[in-house]
Protein backbone atom coordinates (compact mmCIF):
# COMPACT_ATOMS: atom_id res chain seq x y z
CA UNK A 1 71.25 5.07 -13.49
CA UNK A 2 67.56 4.56 -14.39
CA UNK A 3 64.83 6.12 -12.28
CA UNK A 4 61.34 4.88 -11.51
CA UNK A 5 58.61 7.49 -11.72
CA UNK A 6 55.07 7.54 -10.40
CA UNK A 7 52.59 7.29 -13.34
CA UNK A 8 50.28 9.74 -11.56
CA UNK A 9 52.69 12.54 -10.68
CA UNK A 10 55.73 11.94 -12.84
CA UNK A 11 57.90 12.22 -9.74
CA UNK A 12 60.34 9.80 -8.15
CA UNK A 13 58.38 8.16 -5.35
CA UNK A 14 61.45 8.22 -3.18
CA UNK A 15 61.99 11.92 -3.78
CA UNK A 16 60.39 13.93 -0.96
CA UNK A 17 60.89 17.19 -2.80
CA UNK A 18 57.83 19.31 -3.74
CA UNK A 19 56.06 18.67 -7.01
CA UNK A 20 52.81 16.94 -6.06
CA UNK A 21 50.21 17.03 -3.31
CA UNK A 22 51.18 15.82 0.09
CA UNK A 23 49.16 12.58 0.55
CA UNK A 24 48.72 13.46 4.21
CA UNK A 25 47.66 17.03 3.53
CA UNK A 26 44.25 18.47 2.61
CA UNK A 27 44.99 18.49 -1.10
CA UNK A 28 46.03 14.85 -1.00
CA UNK A 29 42.85 13.90 0.85
CA UNK A 30 40.70 15.74 -1.70
CA UNK A 31 42.50 14.06 -4.58
CA UNK A 32 41.83 10.67 -2.99
CA UNK A 33 38.13 11.42 -2.81
CA UNK A 34 37.82 12.63 -6.38
CA UNK A 35 36.53 10.26 -9.02
CA UNK A 36 36.74 7.17 -6.85
CA UNK A 37 34.66 5.39 -9.49
CA UNK A 38 37.59 5.73 -11.95
CA UNK A 39 39.60 3.18 -10.03
CA UNK A 40 39.36 -0.14 -11.92
CA UNK A 41 38.62 -2.02 -8.68
CA UNK A 42 35.40 -0.06 -8.21
CA UNK A 43 33.97 -1.84 -11.25
CA UNK A 44 35.42 -5.27 -10.59
CA UNK A 45 34.08 -5.62 -7.05
CA UNK A 46 30.48 -5.94 -5.84
CA UNK A 47 29.31 -8.59 -8.31
CA UNK A 48 27.42 -10.54 -5.65
CA UNK A 49 25.48 -7.39 -4.70
CA UNK A 50 24.82 -6.68 -8.36
CA UNK A 51 23.55 -10.22 -8.91
CA UNK A 52 21.17 -9.91 -5.93
CA UNK A 53 19.91 -6.58 -7.27
CA UNK A 54 19.17 -8.06 -10.70
CA UNK A 55 17.46 -11.06 -9.10
CA UNK A 56 15.25 -8.68 -7.11
CA UNK A 57 14.42 -6.80 -10.31
CA UNK A 58 13.41 -10.05 -12.00
CA UNK A 59 11.12 -11.03 -9.12
CA UNK A 60 9.44 -7.63 -9.21
CA UNK A 61 9.10 -7.53 -12.98
CA UNK A 62 7.98 -11.13 -13.43
CA UNK A 63 5.98 -11.62 -10.23
CA UNK A 64 2.87 -12.56 -12.22
CA UNK A 65 4.74 -15.53 -13.67
CA UNK A 66 5.79 -17.02 -10.35
CA UNK A 67 3.87 -20.33 -10.23
CA UNK A 68 1.41 -21.24 -7.52
CA UNK A 69 1.80 -24.98 -7.93
CA UNK A 70 4.35 -25.22 -5.14
CA UNK A 71 2.98 -23.80 -1.89
CA UNK A 72 1.16 -20.97 -3.71
CA UNK A 73 4.51 -19.20 -3.87
CA UNK A 74 3.26 -16.71 -6.44
CA UNK A 75 0.41 -15.52 -4.24
CA UNK A 76 2.69 -15.27 -1.21
CA UNK A 77 5.17 -13.05 -3.06
CA UNK A 78 2.41 -10.93 -4.62
CA UNK A 79 0.68 -10.38 -1.27
CA UNK A 80 3.70 -8.60 0.14
CA UNK A 81 5.16 -7.41 -3.18
CA UNK A 82 5.52 -3.71 -2.26
CA UNK A 83 7.71 -4.62 0.70
CA UNK A 84 10.31 -6.14 -1.62
CA UNK A 85 11.25 -2.56 -2.38
CA UNK A 86 13.01 -2.45 0.98
CA UNK A 87 15.72 -4.54 -0.64
CA UNK A 88 16.71 -1.56 -2.81
CA UNK A 89 18.11 0.71 -0.04
CA UNK A 90 19.70 -2.29 1.69
CA UNK A 91 21.57 -3.27 -1.47
CA UNK A 92 22.44 0.36 -2.15
CA UNK A 93 24.05 0.70 1.28
CA UNK A 94 25.97 -2.53 0.67
CA UNK A 95 27.20 -1.13 -2.64
CA UNK A 96 28.35 2.10 -1.01
CA UNK A 97 30.15 0.24 1.76
CA UNK A 98 31.79 -1.98 -0.84
CA UNK A 99 32.60 1.12 -2.91
CA UNK A 100 31.35 -0.66 -6.02
CA UNK A 101 30.09 1.23 -9.05
CA UNK A 102 28.90 -2.06 -10.53
CA UNK A 103 26.67 -2.75 -7.53
CA UNK A 104 25.24 0.75 -7.42
CA UNK A 105 24.47 0.70 -11.14
CA UNK A 106 22.71 -2.66 -10.77
CA UNK A 107 20.63 -1.41 -7.82
CA UNK A 108 19.08 1.19 -10.10
CA UNK A 109 17.33 -1.60 -12.02
CA UNK A 110 15.04 -2.90 -9.20
CA UNK A 111 14.51 0.70 -8.06
CA UNK A 112 13.13 1.64 -11.47
CA UNK A 113 11.02 -1.53 -11.70
CA UNK A 114 9.53 -0.88 -8.25
CA UNK A 115 8.69 2.71 -9.21
CA UNK A 116 7.05 1.48 -12.40
CA UNK A 117 4.89 -0.91 -10.39
CA UNK A 118 4.03 1.25 -7.39
CA UNK A 119 5.14 4.80 -8.06
CA UNK A 120 1.62 5.77 -9.10
CA UNK A 121 0.26 4.72 -5.71
CA UNK A 122 2.49 7.22 -3.93
CA UNK A 123 0.61 10.17 -5.41
CA UNK A 124 -2.51 11.48 -3.70
CA UNK A 125 -5.31 10.90 -6.21
CA UNK A 126 -8.19 11.67 -3.86
CA UNK A 127 -10.79 14.23 -4.92
CA UNK A 128 -13.66 15.97 -3.18
CA UNK A 129 -17.25 14.86 -3.55
CA UNK A 130 -18.70 11.62 -4.81
CA UNK A 131 -22.31 10.56 -5.25
CA UNK A 132 -22.04 7.53 -2.96
CA UNK A 133 -19.80 6.85 0.05
CA UNK A 134 -19.18 3.25 1.09
CA UNK A 135 -17.34 1.55 3.94
CA UNK A 136 -16.25 -2.07 4.25
CA UNK A 137 -15.03 -3.65 7.46
CA UNK A 138 -14.14 -7.10 8.73
CA UNK A 139 -15.35 -6.52 12.28
CA UNK A 140 -13.60 -9.62 13.71
CA UNK A 141 -15.70 -12.31 15.33
CA UNK A 142 -13.85 -11.79 18.62
CA UNK A 143 -14.27 -8.00 18.63
CA UNK A 144 -14.49 -7.02 22.33
CA UNK A 145 -16.85 -4.07 21.73
CA UNK A 146 -19.14 -4.51 18.70
CA UNK A 147 -21.30 -1.53 19.65
CA UNK A 148 -18.33 0.84 19.69
CA UNK A 149 -17.18 -0.48 16.33
CA UNK A 150 -20.65 0.03 14.85
CA UNK A 151 -20.87 3.57 16.25
CA UNK A 152 -17.46 4.44 14.80
CA UNK A 153 -18.50 3.19 11.37
CA UNK A 154 -21.80 5.09 11.51
CA UNK A 155 -19.92 8.26 12.46
CA UNK A 156 -18.08 8.07 9.13
CA UNK A 157 -21.28 9.24 7.44
CA UNK A 158 -21.09 6.53 4.78
CA UNK A 159 -24.17 5.72 2.72
CA UNK A 160 -23.44 1.99 2.70
CA UNK A 161 -21.63 -0.12 5.30
CA UNK A 162 -20.63 -3.69 4.48
CA UNK A 163 -19.59 -5.93 7.37
CA UNK A 164 -17.84 -9.28 7.35
CA UNK A 165 -17.16 -11.90 10.03
CA UNK A 166 -20.43 -11.27 11.85
CA UNK A 167 -21.05 -13.89 14.54
CA UNK A 168 -24.78 -14.80 14.51
CA UNK A 169 -25.08 -14.17 18.23
CA UNK A 170 -23.78 -10.59 17.82
CA UNK A 171 -25.74 -9.49 14.76
CA UNK A 172 -28.38 -7.87 16.97
CA UNK A 173 -25.73 -5.65 18.58
CA UNK A 174 -24.75 -4.23 15.19
CA UNK A 175 -28.39 -3.88 14.18
CA UNK A 176 -29.20 -1.86 17.29
CA UNK A 177 -26.15 0.40 16.97
CA UNK A 178 -26.70 1.12 13.27
CA UNK A 179 -30.49 1.34 13.17
CA UNK A 180 -30.73 5.10 13.71
CA UNK A 181 -28.68 6.01 10.64
CA UNK A 182 -29.36 3.03 8.40
CA UNK A 183 -33.03 2.11 8.03
CA UNK A 184 -32.29 -0.68 5.55
CA UNK A 185 -30.11 -3.68 6.11
CA UNK A 186 -29.68 -7.31 5.13
CA UNK A 187 -27.59 -10.02 6.75
CA UNK A 188 -26.75 -13.28 5.05
CA UNK A 189 -24.68 -15.76 6.99
CA UNK A 190 -21.66 -13.94 8.36
CA UNK A 191 -21.83 -10.89 6.04
CA UNK A 192 -24.21 -7.96 6.06
CA UNK A 193 -25.05 -4.69 4.34
CA UNK A 194 -26.47 -1.55 5.97
CA UNK A 195 -27.82 1.24 3.79
CA UNK A 196 -29.43 4.66 3.78
CA UNK A 197 -31.17 3.61 0.57
CA UNK A 198 -33.66 0.80 -0.05
CA UNK A 199 -32.21 -2.69 -0.44
CA UNK A 200 -33.91 -5.17 -2.76
CA UNK A 201 -33.28 -8.68 -4.04
CA UNK A 202 -30.88 -9.62 -1.26
CA UNK A 203 -29.58 -13.17 -1.67
CA UNK A 204 -26.63 -15.31 -0.61
CA UNK A 205 -23.85 -16.01 -3.09
CA UNK A 206 -22.32 -19.47 -3.17
CA UNK A 207 -18.53 -19.48 -2.78
CA UNK A 208 -18.18 -23.19 -2.11
CA UNK A 209 -17.67 -22.83 1.64
CA UNK A 210 -20.66 -24.81 2.85
CA UNK A 211 -22.01 -21.75 4.69
CA UNK A 212 -22.79 -18.24 3.53
CA UNK A 213 -19.88 -15.78 3.43
CA UNK A 214 -21.00 -13.69 0.46
CA UNK A 215 -24.18 -11.91 -0.59
CA UNK A 216 -25.59 -9.77 -3.36
CA UNK A 217 -28.20 -7.03 -3.13
CA UNK A 218 -29.65 -4.27 -5.31
CA UNK A 219 -29.44 -0.84 -3.70
CA UNK A 220 -31.80 1.78 -5.10
CA UNK A 221 -29.69 4.91 -4.71
CA UNK A 222 -31.72 6.96 -7.15
CA UNK A 223 -30.55 10.10 -8.90
CA UNK A 224 -27.70 9.69 -11.36
CA UNK A 225 -26.67 6.36 -9.85
CA UNK A 226 -30.04 4.66 -10.00
CA UNK A 227 -29.60 1.00 -9.05
CA UNK A 228 -26.28 -0.47 -7.92
CA UNK A 229 -25.50 -4.16 -7.48
CA UNK A 230 -23.62 -4.54 -4.20
CA UNK A 231 -21.68 -7.68 -3.35
CA UNK A 232 -20.34 -8.27 0.16
CA UNK A 233 -17.83 -11.07 0.50
CA UNK A 234 -15.44 -12.68 2.95
CA UNK A 235 -13.25 -15.11 1.04
CA UNK A 236 -11.61 -18.05 2.85
CA UNK A 237 -8.57 -17.29 4.94
CA UNK A 238 -5.05 -18.16 3.88
CA UNK A 239 -2.29 -19.55 6.05
CA UNK A 240 1.47 -19.90 5.89
CA UNK A 241 2.65 -23.34 7.04
CA UNK A 242 6.12 -24.87 6.88
CA UNK A 243 4.80 -28.15 5.53
CA UNK A 244 2.31 -26.70 3.04
CA UNK A 245 3.52 -23.22 2.15
CA UNK A 246 0.92 -20.53 1.47
CA UNK A 247 -2.37 -22.43 1.65
CA UNK A 248 -4.69 -20.38 -0.55
CA UNK A 249 -6.49 -23.04 -2.59
CA UNK A 250 -9.94 -22.61 -1.04
CA UNK A 251 -9.69 -18.82 -1.37
CA UNK A 252 -8.76 -19.13 -5.04
CA UNK A 253 -11.71 -21.42 -5.74
CA UNK A 254 -14.09 -19.08 -3.91
CA UNK A 255 -12.74 -16.09 -5.87
CA UNK A 256 -13.40 -17.92 -9.12
CA UNK A 257 -17.00 -18.74 -8.11
CA UNK A 258 -17.66 -15.17 -6.99
CA UNK A 259 -16.16 -13.84 -10.23
CA UNK A 260 -18.48 -16.04 -12.28
CA UNK A 261 -21.49 -14.66 -10.45
CA UNK A 262 -20.36 -11.07 -10.97
CA UNK A 263 -19.68 -11.74 -14.65
CA UNK A 264 -23.35 -12.66 -15.03
CA UNK A 265 -24.57 -9.55 -13.17
CA UNK A 266 -27.36 -7.86 -15.14
CA UNK A 267 -26.83 -4.39 -13.66
CA UNK A 268 -24.12 -2.23 -15.15
CA UNK A 269 -22.97 -0.69 -11.86
CA UNK A 270 -21.26 -3.05 -9.42
CA UNK A 271 -19.61 -2.68 -6.02
CA UNK A 272 -17.65 -5.51 -4.40
CA UNK A 273 -16.96 -4.79 -0.73
CA UNK A 274 -15.15 -7.22 1.49
CA UNK A 275 -12.25 -9.05 2.96
CA UNK A 276 -10.84 -10.94 -0.02
CA UNK A 277 -7.84 -12.26 1.90
CA UNK A 278 -5.63 -11.16 -0.97
CA UNK A 279 -4.24 -8.05 -2.60
CA UNK A 280 -5.00 -6.76 -6.08
CA UNK A 281 -1.45 -7.81 -7.05
CA UNK A 282 -2.29 -11.44 -6.31
CA UNK A 283 -2.75 -13.19 -9.64
CA UNK A 284 -5.09 -15.70 -8.03
CA UNK A 285 -7.66 -12.90 -7.69
CA UNK A 286 -7.40 -12.02 -11.39
CA UNK A 287 -10.91 -13.44 -12.10
CA UNK A 288 -12.19 -10.55 -9.96
CA UNK A 289 -9.63 -7.81 -10.64
CA UNK A 290 -9.88 -8.34 -14.40
CA UNK A 291 -13.55 -7.30 -14.18
CA UNK A 292 -13.42 -4.65 -11.48
CA UNK A 293 -11.17 -1.70 -10.57
CA UNK A 294 -9.63 -1.04 -7.19
CA UNK A 295 -10.93 2.20 -5.69
CA UNK A 296 -7.70 2.55 -3.70
CA UNK A 297 -5.54 2.12 -6.78
CA UNK A 298 -7.59 4.55 -8.84
CA UNK A 299 -8.39 7.24 -6.28
CA UNK A 300 -6.40 6.62 -3.09
CA UNK A 301 -3.25 7.94 -1.51
CA UNK A 302 -0.53 5.41 -0.79
CA UNK A 303 -1.00 1.69 -0.41
CA UNK A 304 -3.96 1.78 1.99
CA UNK A 305 -2.76 -1.26 3.94
CA UNK A 306 -5.57 -2.63 6.12
CA UNK A 307 -4.23 -5.71 7.90
CA UNK A 308 -3.17 -6.37 10.61
CA UNK A 309 -4.62 -3.26 12.22
CA UNK A 310 -1.79 -3.00 14.76
CA UNK A 311 0.85 -2.72 12.00
CA UNK A 312 -0.74 -2.91 8.54
CA UNK A 313 1.35 -4.89 6.04
CA UNK A 314 -1.11 -5.63 3.24
CA UNK A 315 -4.40 -4.43 1.81
CA UNK A 316 -6.61 -7.49 1.84
CA UNK A 317 -9.81 -5.51 2.47
CA UNK A 318 -11.02 -4.26 -0.88
CA UNK A 319 -13.49 -1.92 -2.52
CA UNK A 320 -13.71 -2.90 -6.18
CA UNK A 321 -15.97 -1.18 -8.68
CA UNK A 322 -17.40 -1.83 -12.12
CA UNK A 323 -19.29 0.75 -14.18
CA UNK A 324 -18.56 3.36 -11.49
CA UNK A 325 -15.89 6.02 -11.20
CA UNK A 326 -13.81 6.07 -7.96
CA UNK A 327 -13.49 9.59 -6.58
CA UNK A 328 -11.58 9.00 -3.34
CA UNK A 329 -10.43 6.08 -1.19
CA UNK A 330 -8.91 5.85 2.27
CA UNK A 331 -8.71 3.81 5.48
CA UNK A 332 -10.58 4.67 8.67
CA UNK A 333 -9.15 4.65 12.20
CA UNK A 334 -8.71 1.38 14.02
CA UNK A 335 -11.68 -0.19 15.80
CA UNK A 336 -11.80 -3.27 18.02
CA UNK A 337 -11.07 -5.45 14.98
CA UNK A 338 -7.79 -6.81 13.69
CA UNK A 339 -8.59 -5.14 10.34
CA UNK A 340 -8.86 -1.46 9.48
CA UNK A 341 -12.09 -0.28 7.85
CA UNK A 342 -11.69 0.87 4.24
CA UNK A 343 -13.78 3.57 2.58
CA UNK A 344 -14.38 5.11 -0.82
CA UNK A 345 -16.60 7.53 -2.68
CA UNK A 346 -17.80 6.86 -6.22
CA UNK A 347 -19.59 8.62 -9.03
CA UNK A 348 -21.54 7.20 -11.97
CA UNK A 349 -19.29 5.87 -14.69
CA UNK A 350 -18.92 7.47 -18.11
CA UNK A 351 -20.79 4.62 -19.73
């Protein structure tokens, strides 16, 4: 009479005699846990999770090629690009629950792409010193206590303070609060610059808005830095609407106009301080970011998110430099604004 044998143990499955581990005993439980990835089903399942992981990797890797023609989709994705990394642990957990080696292997791809894009930002690149300390802050037109905001910014000890979204009727409040530490200042439209060093050649910069939301001034720092061209800008706001998508057209046009002005700048040392309503990952700001470096990216620690102040999700407040070397960059504590102030120190560039 023929007998059927188990391919794993070589023993008649119906035979209760000893010869293999008791499946209900400790040895049987350990054997069941060992090499679970060897089971063929572990590779055949989880293809949906794997497909989602690869799609996430493609979005991260090719974000610069996402078109803006439909609802400025590219800019929307790039604004919150770092947050797409949250999809990696979610998909990893799904792969573990599904007990799928295929899914877990696929999840490694977006994880590696995310690290390639943002891993460098996780390191603390801040250094001590710096010849010039600058602060930029969108103070919020509806700020309930402008004087307190101005005092907090002055307490930072910065050499230059650039302010955006200054209501004309409140400019005097900022002037009074900052006068003791900053003997020089210039306000153009809704942006202003306060300085410990002399300001010359202050002038508005046209960004196509119909009113002044950007300015340029020469700051005579002296010493190794000499003269620095300082631009203060508040680019048009963007909105997310169901019928129009991410409406960023006016901001993009203003960024292009500002970039053209900076490209023609005669001084070799340039600072751009302001609320650009976009991140450095946003391809629409490439006219600016192709000329200037982000102080946060070069000398910060982490992402330096600045907006909204209550729970920062994106860094739309920027300190960009040209011909200067970022030494350190950080965010300051919250004020009465819906933005966090951003700060940096810089040294003269090698050139």
